[in-house]
């Protein structure tokens, strides 16, 4: 039981739980943005905003391809909103805030030990090296 408790208290599990809850809340915002703003905008230019009534009848079977088209269009709109309003700004912000870390060490050509760049002699094998 201790192992399970330790697993649950790890940061990754808690972060994942928070992400799921926030994602579920954010889903309603994105769905509302797509349904209330983007879909009427598309219907203003394209005409029919809802394809759910489109169907093909073969014999006694109805193929409701309009509902499938609605689902595909809704998915594409939600994915594009998520990408352009969340992913793209986040990656841009992350790339600006991440600092480039310069290495201050190098490998000795004789013994392959890690030595400072400015060293003129290896501390491990005492070989003379050219300072970088």
C-alpha atoms as a PDB file:
ATOM      1  CA  UNK A   1       0.000   0.000   0.000  1.00  0.00           C
ATOM      2  CA  UNK A   2       2.943   2.345   0.614  1.00  0.00           C
ATOM      3  CA  UNK A   3       4.062   2.005  -2.989  1.00  0.00           C
ATOM      4  CA  UNK A   4       0.605   2.934  -4.251  1.00  0.00           C
ATOM      5  CA  UNK A   5       0.454   5.944  -1.924  1.00  0.00           C
ATOM      6  CA  UNK A   6       3.906   7.060  -3.094  1.00  0.00           C
ATOM      7  CA  UNK A   7       2.813   6.670  -6.730  1.00  0.00           C
ATOM      8  CA  UNK A   8      -0.296   8.797  -6.162  1.00  0.00           C
ATOM      9  CA  UNK A   9       1.676  11.532  -4.433  1.00  0.00           C
ATOM     10  CA  UNK A  10       4.174  11.902  -7.279  1.00  0.00           C
ATOM     11  CA  UNK A  11       3.976  15.172  -9.137  1.00  0.00           C
ATOM     12  CA  UNK A  12       3.158  13.574 -12.487  1.00  0.00           C
ATOM     13  CA  UNK A  13      -0.072  11.964 -11.275  1.00  0.00           C
ATOM     14  CA  UNK A  14      -1.278  15.143  -9.614  1.00  0.00           C
ATOM     15  CA  UNK A  15      -0.327  17.219 -12.662  1.00  0.00           C
ATOM     16  CA  UNK A  16      -2.212  14.815 -14.901  1.00  0.00           C
ATOM     17  CA  UNK A  17      -5.312  14.971 -12.707  1.00  0.00           C
ATOM     18  CA  UNK A  18      -5.255  18.774 -12.746  1.00  0.00           C
ATOM     19  CA  UNK A  19      -4.750  18.759 -16.521  1.00  0.00           C
ATOM     20  CA  UNK A  20      -7.781  16.511 -17.037  1.00  0.00           C
ATOM     21  CA  UNK A  21     -10.014  18.737 -14.899  1.00  0.00           C
ATOM     22  CA  UNK A  22      -8.783  21.933 -16.567  1.00  0.00           C
ATOM     23  CA  UNK A  23      -9.118  20.290 -19.993  1.00  0.00           C
ATOM     24  CA  UNK A  24     -12.720  19.329 -19.305  1.00  0.00           C
ATOM     25  CA  UNK A  25     -13.533  22.881 -18.228  1.00  0.00           C
ATOM     26  CA  UNK A  26     -11.685  24.342 -21.210  1.00  0.00           C
ATOM     27  CA  UNK A  27     -13.591  21.994 -23.535  1.00  0.00           C
ATOM     28  CA  UNK A  28     -16.865  23.772 -22.779  1.00  0.00           C
ATOM     29  CA  UNK A  29     -15.282  27.135 -23.593  1.00  0.00           C
ATOM     30  CA  UNK A  30     -13.919  25.900 -26.919  1.00  0.00           C
ATOM     31  CA  UNK A  31     -17.195  24.134 -27.826  1.00  0.00           C
ATOM     32  CA  UNK A  32     -19.113  27.343 -27.108  1.00  0.00           C
ATOM     33  CA  UNK A  33     -16.645  29.385 -29.181  1.00  0.00           C
ATOM     34  CA  UNK A  34     -17.063  27.033 -32.119  1.00  0.00           C
ATOM     35  CA  UNK A  35     -20.862  26.616 -31.845  1.00  0.00           C
ATOM     36  CA  UNK A  36     -21.744  30.224 -30.998  1.00  0.00           C
ATOM     37  CA  UNK A  37     -19.184  32.220 -32.962  1.00  0.00           C
ATOM     38  CA  UNK A  38     -17.480  30.238 -35.713  1.00  0.00           C
ATOM     39  CA  UNK A  39     -20.409  28.165 -36.990  1.00  0.00           C
ATOM     40  CA  UNK A  40     -22.732  31.185 -37.453  1.00  0.00           C
ATOM     41  CA  UNK A  41     -19.864  32.994 -39.176  1.00  0.00           C
ATOM     42  CA  UNK A  42     -19.465  30.095 -41.599  1.00  0.00           C
ATOM     43  CA  UNK A  43     -23.226  29.953 -42.193  1.00  0.00           C
ATOM     44  CA  UNK A  44     -23.251  33.698 -42.976  1.00  0.00           C
ATOM     45  CA  UNK A  45     -20.902  33.049 -45.890  1.00  0.00           C
ATOM     46  CA  UNK A  46     -21.778  29.478 -46.815  1.00  0.00           C
ATOM     47  CA  UNK A  47     -25.493  29.183 -46.151  1.00  0.00           C
ATOM     48  CA  UNK A  48     -26.379  25.947 -44.347  1.00  0.00           C
ATOM     49  CA  UNK A  49     -24.704  25.775 -40.883  1.00  0.00           C
ATOM     50  CA  UNK A  50     -26.137  22.390 -39.878  1.00  0.00           C
ATOM     51  CA  UNK A  51     -25.739  19.312 -42.041  1.00  0.00           C
ATOM     52  CA  UNK A  52     -27.447  16.862 -39.666  1.00  0.00           C
ATOM     53  CA  UNK A  53     -30.564  16.598 -41.848  1.00  0.00           C
ATOM     54  CA  UNK A  54     -28.603  15.310 -44.859  1.00  0.00           C
ATOM     55  CA  UNK A  55     -29.073  11.591 -45.442  1.00  0.00           C
ATOM     56  CA  UNK A  56     -29.132   8.895 -48.074  1.00  0.00           C
ATOM     57  CA  UNK A  57     -31.895   6.295 -47.984  1.00  0.00           C
ATOM     58  CA  UNK A  58     -31.175   2.881 -49.473  1.00  0.00           C
ATOM     59  CA  UNK A  59     -34.055   0.466 -49.028  1.00  0.00           C
ATOM     60  CA  UNK A  60     -35.092   0.715 -45.386  1.00  0.00           C
ATOM     61  CA  UNK A  61     -31.743   2.092 -44.151  1.00  0.00           C
ATOM     62  CA  UNK A  62     -30.939   5.746 -43.592  1.00  0.00           C
ATOM     63  CA  UNK A  63     -27.311   6.799 -43.827  1.00  0.00           C
ATOM     64  CA  UNK A  64     -26.996  10.037 -41.850  1.00  0.00           C
ATOM     65  CA  UNK A  65     -23.827  11.333 -43.481  1.00  0.00           C
ATOM     66  CA  UNK A  66     -24.757  14.886 -42.468  1.00  0.00           C
ATOM     67  CA  UNK A  67     -24.185  14.122 -38.778  1.00  0.00           C
ATOM     68  CA  UNK A  68     -20.771  12.724 -39.651  1.00  0.00           C
ATOM     69  CA  UNK A  69     -19.979  15.882 -41.631  1.00  0.00           C
ATOM     70  CA  UNK A  70     -21.020  17.987 -38.620  1.00  0.00           C
ATOM     71  CA  UNK A  71     -18.716  15.968 -36.368  1.00  0.00           C
ATOM     72  CA  UNK A  72     -15.756  16.275 -38.765  1.00  0.00           C
ATOM     73  CA  UNK A  73     -16.252  20.017 -39.246  1.00  0.00           C
ATOM     74  CA  UNK A  74     -16.658  20.543 -35.510  1.00  0.00           C
ATOM     75  CA  UNK A  75     -13.483  18.541 -34.809  1.00  0.00           C
ATOM     76  CA  UNK A  76     -11.486  20.523 -37.376  1.00  0.00           C
ATOM     77  CA  UNK A  77     -12.721  23.815 -35.980  1.00  0.00           C
ATOM     78  CA  UNK A  78     -11.994  22.797 -32.369  1.00  0.00           C
ATOM     79  CA  UNK A  79      -8.545  21.522 -33.341  1.00  0.00           C
ATOM     80  CA  UNK A  80      -7.712  24.741 -35.179  1.00  0.00           C
ATOM     81  CA  UNK A  81      -8.943  26.892 -32.277  1.00  0.00           C
ATOM     82  CA  UNK A  82      -6.857  24.869 -29.815  1.00  0.00           C
ATOM     83  CA  UNK A  83      -3.804  25.076 -32.071  1.00  0.00           C
ATOM     84  CA  UNK A  84      -3.958  28.795 -32.832  1.00  0.00           C
ATOM     85  CA  UNK A  85      -5.177  30.042 -29.434  1.00  0.00           C
ATOM     86  CA  UNK A  86      -3.313  27.655 -27.090  1.00  0.00           C
ATOM     87  CA  UNK A  87      -0.526  25.601 -28.666  1.00  0.00           C
ATOM     88  CA  UNK A  88       1.053  28.216 -30.927  1.00  0.00           C
ATOM     89  CA  UNK A  89       1.173  31.026 -28.299  1.00  0.00           C
ATOM     90  CA  UNK A  90       2.430  28.575 -25.656  1.00  0.00           C
ATOM     91  CA  UNK A  91       5.283  27.282 -27.816  1.00  0.00           C
ATOM     92  CA  UNK A  92       6.204  30.845 -28.798  1.00  0.00           C
ATOM     93  CA  UNK A  93       6.251  31.938 -25.150  1.00  0.00           C
ATOM     94  CA  UNK A  94       8.172  28.841 -24.105  1.00  0.00           C
ATOM     95  CA  UNK A  95      10.830  29.375 -26.781  1.00  0.00           C
ATOM     96  CA  UNK A  96      11.298  33.002 -25.698  1.00  0.00           C
ATOM     97  CA  UNK A  97      11.637  32.182 -22.005  1.00  0.00           C
ATOM     98  CA  UNK A  98      13.897  29.153 -22.297  1.00  0.00           C
ATOM     99  CA  UNK A  99      17.507  30.164 -21.952  1.00  0.00           C
ATOM    100  CA  UNK A 100      20.185  28.536 -24.019  1.00  0.00           C
ATOM    101  CA  UNK A 101      22.625  26.710 -21.740  1.00  0.00           C
ATOM    102  CA  UNK A 102      26.210  26.839 -22.903  1.00  0.00           C
ATOM    103  CA  UNK A 103      28.487  24.000 -21.994  1.00  0.00           C
ATOM    104  CA  UNK A 104      31.492  24.920 -19.903  1.00  0.00           C
ATOM    105  CA  UNK A 105      33.271  21.597 -20.253  1.00  0.00           C
ATOM    106  CA  UNK A 106      34.753  19.444 -22.987  1.00  0.00           C
ATOM    107  CA  UNK A 107      36.275  15.972 -23.274  1.00  0.00           C
ATOM    108  CA  UNK A 108      39.984  15.351 -22.886  1.00  0.00           C
ATOM    109  CA  UNK A 109      41.331  13.975 -26.206  1.00  0.00           C
ATOM    110  CA  UNK A 110      43.563  11.480 -24.373  1.00  0.00           C
ATOM    111  CA  UNK A 111      41.385   9.927 -21.633  1.00  0.00           C
ATOM    112  CA  UNK A 112      37.944  11.272 -22.642  1.00  0.00           C
ATOM    113  CA  UNK A 113      37.336  12.683 -19.139  1.00  0.00           C
ATOM    114  CA  UNK A 114      35.301  15.835 -18.778  1.00  0.00           C
ATOM    115  CA  UNK A 115      37.495  18.910 -18.252  1.00  0.00           C
ATOM    116  CA  UNK A 116      36.821  22.685 -18.259  1.00  0.00           C
ATOM    117  CA  UNK A 117      37.034  24.405 -21.633  1.00  0.00           C
ATOM    118  CA  UNK A 118      39.773  26.786 -20.481  1.00  0.00           C
ATOM    119  CA  UNK A 119      41.993  23.986 -19.099  1.00  0.00           C
ATOM    120  CA  UNK A 120      45.467  23.577 -20.583  1.00  0.00           C
ATOM    121  CA  UNK A 121      46.150  20.279 -18.840  1.00  0.00           C
ATOM    122  CA  UNK A 122      43.833  17.357 -18.026  1.00  0.00           C
ATOM    123  CA  UNK A 123      43.297  16.874 -14.292  1.00  0.00           C
ATOM    124  CA  UNK A 124      42.834  13.117 -14.751  1.00  0.00           C
ATOM    125  CA  UNK A 125      45.630  12.029 -17.073  1.00  0.00           C
ATOM    126  CA  UNK A 126      47.801  15.237 -16.959  1.00  0.00           C
ATOM    127  CA  UNK A 127      47.931  15.406 -20.761  1.00  0.00           C
ATOM    128  CA  UNK A 128      48.474  18.848 -22.237  1.00  0.00           C
ATOM    129  CA  UNK A 129      45.456  20.121 -24.162  1.00  0.00           C
ATOM    130  CA  UNK A 130      44.895  23.278 -26.169  1.00  0.00           C
ATOM    131  CA  UNK A 131      42.518  25.650 -24.312  1.00  0.00           C
ATOM    132  CA  UNK A 132      39.261  26.211 -26.195  1.00  0.00           C
END
